[in-house]
Amino acid sequence: MKKISVGFAMCGSFCTISKALKQMQKLKDLGYDLIPIMSEHVYETDTRFSSAEKVISSAESICGKKVIASICDSEPIGPQGMTDIMIVAPCTGNTAAKLAAGITDTAVTMAVKSHLRQQKPVLVAIATNDALAGSAQNIGRLLNTRNYYFVPFSQDDPVKKPSSLVADFELIPQAVEAALSGRQLQPVLA
């Protein structure tokens, strides 16, 4: 039986990258075949949370493959049928806006666009400080767009960051199973 191939795309919500890597490892342990994809910012930026080199090294070690980090390298994903599901974890408000508007200007947005050519599921793990403000319309649009599914999310700090939402990264494996079956894992709002 063919292993399920997962594109695991990471965007620049740098404070949640470690959570994403943990779930990447969990998916690998569950037997999924993983292809690591990173936005150019994640691929190149050292932050107080981690160095780019460490994030790249971790993802490549888990997946056993080189990270895809350019538009050119992301484009063949759909035409070559490389993925059964595409995960964007973390997905920033900026990337959600680009996906909602059909803008393809990063390795991650190209990976999603290319993957969607096969009409297969995209799983979004939102992580943005303006989800209940400027990004709300884009999240709403994606929630109502065919082939998009969300990892359940909630406010991460309603007092200090009342507009912020973060996916429950621990639910990624269950959300993958649901999305592959054409279902949204519920409740989507915790």
N, C-alpha and C. Protein backbone atom coordinates (compact mmCIF):
# COMPACT_ATOMS: atom_id res chain seq x y z
N MET A 1 0.84 -1.18 0.00
CA MET A 1 0.00 0.00 0.00
C MET A 1 0.88 1.25 0.00
N LYS A 2 0.52 2.23 -0.82
CA LYS A 2 1.28 3.48 -0.94
C LYS A 2 1.19 4.30 0.34
N LYS A 3 2.34 4.80 0.77
CA LYS A 3 2.35 5.71 1.91
C LYS A 3 1.68 7.01 1.52
N ILE A 4 1.00 7.64 2.46
CA ILE A 4 0.40 8.95 2.20
C ILE A 4 1.51 9.99 2.23
N SER A 5 1.58 10.78 1.18
CA SER A 5 2.61 11.80 1.03
C SER A 5 2.06 13.15 1.50
N VAL A 6 2.78 13.77 2.43
CA VAL A 6 2.37 15.02 3.05
C VAL A 6 3.37 16.11 2.74
N GLY A 7 2.90 17.18 2.11
CA GLY A 7 3.71 18.38 2.01
C GLY A 7 3.55 19.12 3.32
N PHE A 8 4.63 19.41 4.00
CA PHE A 8 4.57 20.11 5.30
C PHE A 8 5.24 21.46 5.12
N ALA A 9 4.42 22.50 4.91
CA ALA A 9 4.90 23.85 4.61
C ALA A 9 4.87 24.72 5.86
N MET A 10 5.96 25.41 6.10
CA MET A 10 6.10 26.24 7.30
C MET A 10 6.28 27.71 6.92
N CYS A 11 5.50 28.57 7.60
CA CYS A 11 5.61 30.02 7.41
C CYS A 11 6.15 30.66 8.68
N GLY A 12 6.32 31.97 8.63
CA GLY A 12 7.06 32.70 9.65
C GLY A 12 6.38 33.07 10.95
N SER A 13 5.52 32.26 11.50
CA SER A 13 5.10 32.45 12.89
C SER A 13 6.16 31.77 13.73
N PHE A 14 7.27 32.46 13.91
CA PHE A 14 8.47 31.83 14.45
C PHE A 14 8.29 31.25 15.84
N CYS A 15 7.39 31.81 16.63
CA CYS A 15 7.18 31.30 17.99
C CYS A 15 6.47 29.94 17.99
N THR A 16 5.91 29.52 16.85
CA THR A 16 5.22 28.23 16.80
C THR A 16 5.97 27.18 15.95
N ILE A 17 7.11 27.53 15.43
CA ILE A 17 7.88 26.59 14.60
C ILE A 17 8.23 25.31 15.37
N SER A 18 8.60 25.44 16.63
CA SER A 18 8.96 24.25 17.41
C SER A 18 7.75 23.32 17.56
N LYS A 19 6.56 23.88 17.71
CA LYS A 19 5.34 23.05 17.78
C LYS A 19 5.11 22.33 16.45
N ALA A 20 5.36 23.03 15.36
CA ALA A 20 5.18 22.43 14.03
C ALA A 20 6.17 21.28 13.83
N LEU A 21 7.41 21.49 14.22
CA LEU A 21 8.43 20.44 14.07
C LEU A 21 8.07 19.20 14.90
N LYS A 22 7.52 19.43 16.08
CA LYS A 22 7.11 18.31 16.93
C LYS A 22 6.02 17.48 16.23
N GLN A 23 5.08 18.16 15.58
CA GLN A 23 4.01 17.45 14.88
C GLN A 23 4.52 16.80 13.59
N MET A 24 5.51 17.42 12.97
CA MET A 24 6.15 16.82 11.81
C MET A 24 6.73 15.46 12.20
N GLN A 25 7.41 15.43 13.33
CA GLN A 25 7.98 14.18 13.83
C GLN A 25 6.88 13.16 14.15
N LYS A 26 5.80 13.63 14.74
CA LYS A 26 4.70 12.73 15.08
C LYS A 26 4.12 12.10 13.82
N LEU A 27 3.94 12.91 12.77
CA LEU A 27 3.41 12.38 11.50
C LEU A 27 4.38 11.36 10.90
N LYS A 28 5.66 11.65 10.98
CA LYS A 28 6.66 10.71 10.47
C LYS A 28 6.58 9.39 11.24
N ASP A 29 6.44 9.49 12.55
CA ASP A 29 6.33 8.29 13.39
C ASP A 29 5.05 7.49 13.07
N LEU A 30 4.02 8.18 12.59
CA LEU A 30 2.78 7.51 12.23
C LEU A 30 2.85 6.87 10.84
N GLY A 31 3.97 7.07 10.13
CA GLY A 31 4.18 6.41 8.85
C GLY A 31 3.93 7.25 7.62
N TYR A 32 3.69 8.54 7.78
CA TYR A 32 3.50 9.40 6.63
C TYR A 32 4.84 9.70 5.95
N ASP A 33 4.83 9.88 4.65
CA ASP A 33 5.99 10.30 3.87
C ASP A 33 5.93 11.82 3.80
N LEU A 34 6.93 12.52 4.30
CA LEU A 34 6.88 13.97 4.44
C LEU A 34 7.83 14.68 3.49
N ILE A 35 7.35 15.77 2.92
CA ILE A 35 8.17 16.66 2.10
C ILE A 35 8.21 18.01 2.80
N PRO A 36 9.38 18.44 3.29
CA PRO A 36 9.45 19.73 3.99
C PRO A 36 9.51 20.91 3.01
N ILE A 37 8.71 21.92 3.30
CA ILE A 37 8.63 23.13 2.48
C ILE A 37 8.70 24.31 3.44
N MET A 38 9.44 25.34 3.09
CA MET A 38 9.54 26.53 3.95
C MET A 38 9.42 27.79 3.13
N SER A 39 8.78 28.78 3.73
CA SER A 39 8.80 30.10 3.12
C SER A 39 10.25 30.58 3.13
N GLU A 40 10.54 31.48 2.25
CA GLU A 40 11.89 32.01 2.17
C GLU A 40 12.30 32.65 3.50
N HIS A 41 11.33 33.27 4.20
CA HIS A 41 11.64 33.90 5.49
C HIS A 41 12.05 32.87 6.53
N VAL A 42 11.34 31.77 6.62
CA VAL A 42 11.70 30.73 7.58
C VAL A 42 13.06 30.14 7.21
N TYR A 43 13.27 29.95 5.92
CA TYR A 43 14.51 29.33 5.44
C TYR A 43 15.74 30.19 5.70
N GLU A 44 15.56 31.52 5.76
CA GLU A 44 16.70 32.43 5.83
C GLU A 44 16.85 33.21 7.13
N THR A 45 15.85 33.17 8.01
CA THR A 45 15.84 34.10 9.14
C THR A 45 16.19 33.43 10.46
N ASP A 46 17.19 33.99 11.13
CA ASP A 46 17.51 33.60 12.50
C ASP A 46 16.66 34.47 13.43
N THR A 47 16.06 33.85 14.43
CA THR A 47 15.22 34.60 15.37
C THR A 47 15.63 34.26 16.79
N ARG A 48 14.97 34.90 17.75
CA ARG A 48 15.24 34.58 19.16
C ARG A 48 14.75 33.18 19.51
N PHE A 49 13.91 32.59 18.66
CA PHE A 49 13.38 31.26 18.92
C PHE A 49 14.29 30.15 18.39
N SER A 50 14.98 30.43 17.28
CA SER A 50 15.88 29.44 16.70
C SER A 50 16.62 30.04 15.50
N SER A 51 17.69 29.39 15.14
CA SER A 51 18.39 29.80 13.92
C SER A 51 17.72 29.11 12.72
N ALA A 52 17.82 29.73 11.57
CA ALA A 52 17.29 29.12 10.35
C ALA A 52 17.96 27.78 10.10
N GLU A 53 19.26 27.73 10.32
CA GLU A 53 20.01 26.49 10.09
C GLU A 53 19.47 25.34 10.95
N LYS A 54 19.13 25.63 12.19
CA LYS A 54 18.61 24.59 13.08
C LYS A 54 17.23 24.12 12.63
N VAL A 55 16.38 25.04 12.20
CA VAL A 55 15.04 24.68 11.73
C VAL A 55 15.16 23.82 10.47
N ILE A 56 15.99 24.23 9.54
CA ILE A 56 16.21 23.47 8.29
C ILE A 56 16.75 22.07 8.62
N SER A 57 17.76 22.03 9.45
CA SER A 57 18.38 20.75 9.82
C SER A 57 17.36 19.82 10.50
N SER A 58 16.55 20.36 11.38
CA SER A 58 15.53 19.55 12.06
C SER A 58 14.53 18.98 11.07
N ALA A 59 14.01 19.83 10.18
CA ALA A 59 13.02 19.39 9.19
C ALA A 59 13.61 18.34 8.25
N GLU A 60 14.83 18.57 7.78
CA GLU A 60 15.45 17.61 6.86
C GLU A 60 15.75 16.29 7.55
N SER A 61 16.13 16.35 8.82
CA SER A 61 16.40 15.13 9.58
C SER A 61 15.12 14.31 9.79
N ILE A 62 14.04 14.98 10.13
CA ILE A 62 12.75 14.30 10.33
C ILE A 62 12.26 13.68 9.03
N CYS A 63 12.27 14.47 7.97
CA CYS A 63 11.67 14.05 6.70
C CYS A 63 12.57 13.17 5.85
N GLY A 64 13.87 13.29 6.05
CA GLY A 64 14.80 12.54 5.22
C GLY A 64 14.89 13.10 3.81
N LYS A 65 14.52 14.37 3.66
CA LYS A 65 14.54 15.04 2.35
C LYS A 65 15.01 16.48 2.54
N LYS A 66 15.54 17.06 1.46
CA LYS A 66 15.93 18.46 1.46
C LYS A 66 14.68 19.34 1.50
N VAL A 67 14.79 20.46 2.18
CA VAL A 67 13.70 21.43 2.25
C VAL A 67 13.51 22.10 0.89
N ILE A 68 12.27 22.21 0.47
CA ILE A 68 11.92 23.00 -0.71
C ILE A 68 11.69 24.43 -0.22
N ALA A 69 12.43 25.39 -0.78
CA ALA A 69 12.35 26.76 -0.27
C ALA A 69 12.35 27.80 -1.39
N SER A 70 11.91 27.41 -2.58
CA SER A 70 11.82 28.38 -3.67
C SER A 70 10.56 28.13 -4.49
N ILE A 71 10.10 29.15 -5.15
CA ILE A 71 8.93 29.03 -6.01
C ILE A 71 9.19 28.00 -7.11
N CYS A 72 10.36 28.08 -7.70
CA CYS A 72 10.72 27.17 -8.79
C CYS A 72 10.68 25.71 -8.35
N ASP A 73 11.20 25.43 -7.17
CA ASP A 73 11.23 24.05 -6.67
C ASP A 73 9.87 23.57 -6.18
N SER A 74 8.96 24.50 -5.84
CA SER A 74 7.62 24.13 -5.38
C SER A 74 6.66 23.83 -6.52
N GLU A 75 6.88 24.40 -7.66
CA GLU A 75 5.93 24.30 -8.78
C GLU A 75 5.63 22.87 -9.21
N PRO A 76 6.61 21.95 -9.26
CA PRO A 76 6.31 20.59 -9.73
C PRO A 76 5.44 19.74 -8.79
N ILE A 77 5.17 20.21 -7.59
CA ILE A 77 4.44 19.40 -6.61
C ILE A 77 3.13 18.88 -7.17
N GLY A 78 2.32 19.74 -7.76
CA GLY A 78 1.03 19.32 -8.32
C GLY A 78 1.17 18.51 -9.59
N PRO A 79 1.86 19.04 -10.61
CA PRO A 79 1.97 18.29 -11.86
C PRO A 79 2.58 16.90 -11.69
N GLN A 80 3.48 16.74 -10.73
CA GLN A 80 4.11 15.44 -10.51
C GLN A 80 3.35 14.60 -9.48
N GLY A 81 2.23 15.13 -8.96
CA GLY A 81 1.43 14.38 -7.99
C GLY A 81 2.23 13.98 -6.76
N MET A 82 3.06 14.89 -6.26
CA MET A 82 3.98 14.58 -5.17
C MET A 82 3.31 14.47 -3.80
N THR A 83 2.12 15.06 -3.62
CA THR A 83 1.50 15.12 -2.30
C THR A 83 0.04 14.69 -2.34
N ASP A 84 -0.37 14.02 -1.26
CA ASP A 84 -1.77 13.65 -1.07
C ASP A 84 -2.51 14.71 -0.26
N ILE A 85 -1.77 15.40 0.60
CA ILE A 85 -2.30 16.48 1.42
C ILE A 85 -1.18 17.49 1.64
N MET A 86 -1.54 18.76 1.72
CA MET A 86 -0.59 19.83 1.99
C MET A 86 -0.97 20.44 3.33
N ILE A 87 -0.02 20.50 4.25
CA ILE A 87 -0.22 21.15 5.54
C ILE A 87 0.55 22.46 5.52
N VAL A 88 -0.09 23.54 5.98
CA VAL A 88 0.61 24.81 6.18
C VAL A 88 0.58 25.06 7.68
N ALA A 89 1.72 24.80 8.33
CA ALA A 89 1.80 24.88 9.78
C ALA A 89 3.18 25.36 10.21
N PRO A 90 3.30 26.53 10.75
CA PRO A 90 2.23 27.49 10.96
C PRO A 90 1.87 28.24 9.69
N CYS A 91 0.64 28.72 9.66
CA CYS A 91 0.17 29.57 8.56
C CYS A 91 -0.06 30.97 9.13
N THR A 92 0.70 31.91 8.67
CA THR A 92 0.58 33.29 9.14
C THR A 92 -0.64 33.97 8.51
N GLY A 93 -1.03 35.09 9.08
CA GLY A 93 -2.10 35.89 8.49
C GLY A 93 -1.73 36.35 7.10
N ASN A 94 -0.47 36.67 6.88
CA ASN A 94 0.01 37.10 5.58
C ASN A 94 -0.17 36.00 4.53
N THR A 95 0.21 34.78 4.89
CA THR A 95 0.06 33.66 3.96
C THR A 95 -1.40 33.33 3.75
N ALA A 96 -2.22 33.38 4.80
CA ALA A 96 -3.66 33.13 4.65
C ALA A 96 -4.27 34.14 3.68
N ALA A 97 -3.85 35.39 3.77
CA ALA A 97 -4.36 36.43 2.85
C ALA A 97 -3.96 36.11 1.41
N LYS A 98 -2.73 35.69 1.23
CA LYS A 98 -2.26 35.36 -0.12
C LYS A 98 -3.02 34.15 -0.67
N LEU A 99 -3.24 33.13 0.16
CA LEU A 99 -3.98 31.96 -0.29
C LEU A 99 -5.42 32.33 -0.65
N ALA A 100 -6.04 33.16 0.17
CA ALA A 100 -7.42 33.58 -0.08
C ALA A 100 -7.55 34.41 -1.36
N ALA A 101 -6.49 35.17 -1.67
CA ALA A 101 -6.52 36.03 -2.86
C ALA A 101 -5.89 35.38 -4.09
N GLY A 102 -5.36 34.17 -3.94
CA GLY A 102 -4.73 33.50 -5.07
C GLY A 102 -3.37 34.07 -5.44
N ILE A 103 -2.69 34.67 -4.50
CA ILE A 103 -1.36 35.25 -4.76
C ILE A 103 -0.30 34.17 -4.55
N THR A 104 0.58 34.05 -5.53
CA THR A 104 1.62 33.02 -5.50
C THR A 104 2.98 33.68 -5.61
N ASP A 105 3.56 34.04 -4.46
CA ASP A 105 4.84 34.72 -4.49
C ASP A 105 5.84 34.20 -3.47
N THR A 106 5.57 33.02 -2.92
CA THR A 106 6.53 32.37 -2.01
C THR A 106 6.55 30.88 -2.32
N ALA A 107 7.52 30.19 -1.77
CA ALA A 107 7.60 28.74 -1.95
C ALA A 107 6.34 28.06 -1.39
N VAL A 108 5.83 28.57 -0.27
CA VAL A 108 4.65 27.97 0.36
C VAL A 108 3.39 28.21 -0.47
N THR A 109 3.17 29.44 -0.92
CA THR A 109 1.95 29.70 -1.70
C THR A 109 2.00 28.96 -3.03
N MET A 110 3.17 28.83 -3.62
CA MET A 110 3.28 28.04 -4.86
C MET A 110 3.04 26.57 -4.58
N ALA A 111 3.56 26.06 -3.47
CA ALA A 111 3.34 24.65 -3.12
C ALA A 111 1.85 24.37 -2.98
N VAL A 112 1.14 25.26 -2.30
CA VAL A 112 -0.31 25.08 -2.12
C VAL A 112 -1.03 25.17 -3.47
N LYS A 113 -0.71 26.20 -4.24
CA LYS A 113 -1.36 26.36 -5.55
C LYS A 113 -1.12 25.14 -6.43
N SER A 114 0.11 24.68 -6.47
CA SER A 114 0.45 23.54 -7.30
C SER A 114 -0.27 22.28 -6.82
N HIS A 115 -0.29 22.08 -5.51
CA HIS A 115 -0.97 20.93 -4.90
C HIS A 115 -2.47 20.96 -5.23
N LEU A 116 -3.08 22.13 -5.17
CA LEU A 116 -4.52 22.26 -5.42
C LEU A 116 -4.91 21.93 -6.86
N ARG A 117 -3.95 21.94 -7.76
CA ARG A 117 -4.24 21.54 -9.14
C ARG A 117 -4.80 20.13 -9.20
N GLN A 118 -4.44 19.32 -8.21
CA GLN A 118 -4.92 17.94 -8.14
C GLN A 118 -6.22 17.82 -7.33
N GLN A 119 -6.73 18.97 -6.86
CA GLN A 119 -7.97 19.04 -6.06
C GLN A 119 -7.88 18.15 -4.82
N LYS A 120 -6.76 18.24 -4.14
CA LYS A 120 -6.52 17.49 -2.92
C LYS A 120 -6.53 18.45 -1.73
N PRO A 121 -6.69 17.92 -0.50
CA PRO A 121 -6.87 18.79 0.67
C PRO A 121 -5.63 19.57 1.09
N VAL A 122 -5.92 20.79 1.58
CA VAL A 122 -4.92 21.66 2.20
C VAL A 122 -5.37 21.86 3.65
N LEU A 123 -4.47 21.59 4.58
CA LEU A 123 -4.77 21.73 6.00
C LEU A 123 -4.01 22.94 6.54
N VAL A 124 -4.75 23.90 7.10
CA VAL A 124 -4.18 25.15 7.58
C VAL A 124 -4.13 25.15 9.11
N ALA A 125 -2.95 25.40 9.66
CA ALA A 125 -2.78 25.58 11.11
C ALA A 125 -2.46 27.05 11.34
N ILE A 126 -3.50 27.83 11.54
CA ILE A 126 -3.37 29.29 11.63
C ILE A 126 -2.59 29.69 12.88
N ALA A 127 -1.80 30.73 12.75
CA ALA A 127 -1.05 31.30 13.88
C ALA A 127 -0.79 32.76 13.52
N THR A 128 -1.67 33.65 14.00
CA THR A 128 -1.52 35.05 13.65
C THR A 128 -2.10 35.96 14.73
N ASN A 129 -1.44 37.07 14.97
CA ASN A 129 -1.88 38.01 15.98
C ASN A 129 -3.08 38.85 15.55
N ASP A 130 -3.43 38.83 14.27
CA ASP A 130 -4.55 39.67 13.82
C ASP A 130 -5.70 38.85 13.23
N ALA A 131 -5.85 37.61 13.68
CA ALA A 131 -6.87 36.71 13.14
C ALA A 131 -8.29 37.24 13.33
N LEU A 132 -8.53 37.91 14.43
CA LEU A 132 -9.86 38.44 14.69
C LEU A 132 -9.94 39.93 14.35
N ALA A 133 -9.02 40.37 13.52
CA ALA A 133 -8.99 41.75 13.04
C ALA A 133 -8.79 41.69 11.52
N GLY A 134 -7.67 42.19 11.03
CA GLY A 134 -7.43 42.27 9.60
C GLY A 134 -7.44 40.94 8.86
N SER A 135 -7.05 39.87 9.51
CA SER A 135 -7.00 38.57 8.84
C SER A 135 -8.31 37.80 8.89
N ALA A 136 -9.28 38.28 9.63
CA ALA A 136 -10.54 37.54 9.80
C ALA A 136 -11.23 37.24 8.47
N GLN A 137 -11.27 38.22 7.57
CA GLN A 137 -11.96 37.99 6.29
C GLN A 137 -11.28 36.90 5.47
N ASN A 138 -9.95 36.83 5.55
CA ASN A 138 -9.22 35.82 4.77
C ASN A 138 -9.40 34.43 5.36
N ILE A 139 -9.40 34.34 6.67
CA ILE A 139 -9.66 33.06 7.32
C ILE A 139 -11.08 32.60 6.99
N GLY A 140 -12.03 33.52 7.04
CA GLY A 140 -13.41 33.19 6.68
C GLY A 140 -13.53 32.72 5.25
N ARG A 141 -12.82 33.37 4.36
CA ARG A 141 -12.86 32.97 2.95
C ARG A 141 -12.30 31.55 2.77
N LEU A 142 -11.19 31.26 3.44
CA LEU A 142 -10.59 29.93 3.32
C LEU A 142 -11.48 28.85 3.96
N LEU A 143 -12.13 29.20 5.07
CA LEU A 143 -13.05 28.26 5.71
C LEU A 143 -14.18 27.86 4.77
N ASN A 144 -14.49 28.73 3.82
CA ASN A 144 -15.57 28.48 2.87
C ASN A 144 -15.08 28.14 1.47
N THR A 145 -13.83 27.74 1.35
CA THR A 145 -13.26 27.39 0.06
C THR A 145 -13.02 25.88 0.00
N ARG A 146 -13.46 25.30 -1.08
CA ARG A 146 -13.31 23.86 -1.27
C ARG A 146 -11.85 23.43 -1.15
N ASN A 147 -11.65 22.30 -0.54
CA ASN A 147 -10.35 21.65 -0.35
C ASN A 147 -9.50 22.27 0.76
N TYR A 148 -10.01 23.30 1.45
CA TYR A 148 -9.29 23.87 2.59
C TYR A 148 -9.92 23.37 3.88
N TYR A 149 -9.07 22.94 4.80
CA TYR A 149 -9.49 22.48 6.12
C TYR A 149 -8.60 23.15 7.15
N PHE A 150 -9.10 23.28 8.37
CA PHE A 150 -8.35 23.95 9.42
C PHE A 150 -8.08 23.02 10.59
N VAL A 151 -6.89 23.15 11.15
CA VAL A 151 -6.61 22.56 12.45
C VAL A 151 -7.39 23.42 13.44
N PRO A 152 -8.18 22.82 14.35
CA PRO A 152 -8.93 23.63 15.31
C PRO A 152 -8.05 24.66 16.00
N PHE A 153 -8.62 25.83 16.24
CA PHE A 153 -7.85 26.95 16.78
C PHE A 153 -8.62 27.67 17.87
N SER A 154 -7.90 28.51 18.62
CA SER A 154 -8.51 29.30 19.68
C SER A 154 -7.65 30.54 19.94
N GLN A 155 -8.20 31.43 20.77
CA GLN A 155 -7.42 32.59 21.19
C GLN A 155 -6.31 32.10 22.12
N ASP A 156 -5.10 32.54 21.87
CA ASP A 156 -3.98 32.08 22.69
C ASP A 156 -3.75 32.97 23.90
N ASP A 157 -4.15 34.23 23.85
CA ASP A 157 -4.02 35.15 24.98
C ASP A 157 -5.06 36.26 24.83
N PRO A 158 -6.33 35.97 25.21
CA PRO A 158 -7.41 36.92 24.98
C PRO A 158 -7.24 38.27 25.68
N VAL A 159 -6.47 38.32 26.76
CA VAL A 159 -6.30 39.57 27.49
C VAL A 159 -5.24 40.45 26.84
N LYS A 160 -4.06 39.90 26.61
CA LYS A 160 -2.96 40.70 26.06
C LYS A 160 -2.99 40.79 24.54
N LYS A 161 -3.56 39.77 23.87
CA LYS A 161 -3.61 39.74 22.40
C LYS A 161 -5.02 39.31 21.97
N PRO A 162 -6.01 40.18 22.14
CA PRO A 162 -7.40 39.78 21.90
C PRO A 162 -7.74 39.41 20.46
N SER A 163 -6.91 39.75 19.50
CA SER A 163 -7.19 39.42 18.10
C SER A 163 -6.42 38.20 17.62
N SER A 164 -5.62 37.60 18.48
CA SER A 164 -4.72 36.51 18.10
C SER A 164 -5.40 35.15 18.18
N LEU A 165 -5.15 34.32 17.17
CA LEU A 165 -5.60 32.93 17.16
C LEU A 165 -4.41 32.03 16.83
N VAL A 166 -4.38 30.86 17.48
CA VAL A 166 -3.35 29.87 17.20
C VAL A 166 -4.00 28.49 17.15
N ALA A 167 -3.63 27.73 16.14
CA ALA A 167 -4.12 26.36 16.01
C ALA A 167 -3.61 25.52 17.17
N ASP A 168 -4.36 24.48 17.49
CA ASP A 168 -3.92 23.50 18.46
C ASP A 168 -3.05 22.49 17.70
N PHE A 169 -1.77 22.72 17.66
CA PHE A 169 -0.85 21.91 16.86
C PHE A 169 -0.92 20.43 17.21
N GLU A 170 -1.28 20.12 18.45
CA GLU A 170 -1.38 18.71 18.87
C GLU A 170 -2.47 17.97 18.09
N LEU A 171 -3.40 18.71 17.49
CA LEU A 171 -4.49 18.09 16.74
C LEU A 171 -4.16 17.87 15.26
N ILE A 172 -2.96 18.20 14.84
CA ILE A 172 -2.60 18.04 13.43
C ILE A 172 -2.82 16.61 12.93
N PRO A 173 -2.36 15.57 13.62
CA PRO A 173 -2.59 14.22 13.10
C PRO A 173 -4.08 13.89 12.88
N GLN A 174 -4.92 14.24 13.85
CA GLN A 174 -6.36 13.99 13.70
C GLN A 174 -6.96 14.84 12.57
N ALA A 175 -6.49 16.08 12.44
CA ALA A 175 -6.98 16.96 11.39
C ALA A 175 -6.57 16.45 10.01
N VAL A 176 -5.38 15.84 9.91
CA VAL A 176 -4.93 15.24 8.64
C VAL A 176 -5.88 14.12 8.25
N GLU A 177 -6.17 13.22 9.20
CA GLU A 177 -7.07 12.10 8.91
C GLU A 177 -8.44 12.59 8.46
N ALA A 178 -8.96 13.59 9.15
CA ALA A 178 -10.27 14.14 8.78
C ALA A 178 -10.24 14.75 7.39
N ALA A 179 -9.23 15.58 7.12
CA ALA A 179 -9.14 16.25 5.82
C ALA A 179 -8.99 15.24 4.68
N LEU A 180 -8.21 14.19 4.91
CA LEU A 180 -8.07 13.15 3.87
C LEU A 180 -9.40 12.44 3.60
N SER A 181 -10.30 12.49 4.57
CA SER A 181 -11.64 11.90 4.41
C SER A 181 -12.66 12.93 3.95
N GLY A 182 -12.20 14.17 3.69
CA GLY A 182 -13.09 15.22 3.23
C GLY A 182 -13.93 15.85 4.34
N ARG A 183 -13.44 15.77 5.58
CA ARG A 183 -14.17 16.31 6.72
C ARG A 183 -13.32 17.36 7.44
N GLN A 184 -14.02 18.36 7.98
CA GLN A 184 -13.39 19.34 8.86
C GLN A 184 -13.43 18.79 10.27
N LEU A 185 -12.27 18.68 10.92
CA LEU A 185 -12.22 18.26 12.32
C LEU A 185 -12.98 19.28 13.16
N GLN A 186 -13.87 18.81 14.01
CA GLN A 186 -14.70 19.69 14.83
C GLN A 186 -14.41 19.47 16.31
N PRO A 187 -14.67 20.45 17.15
CA PRO A 187 -15.06 21.80 16.79
C PRO A 187 -13.86 22.57 16.24
N VAL A 188 -14.10 23.40 15.24
CA VAL A 188 -13.00 24.16 14.65
C VAL A 188 -12.56 25.29 15.59
N LEU A 189 -13.48 25.79 16.40
CA LEU A 189 -13.16 26.80 17.41
C LEU A 189 -13.19 26.16 18.78
N ALA A 190 -12.07 26.23 19.48
CA ALA A 190 -12.01 25.64 20.83
C ALA A 190 -12.55 26.62 21.85
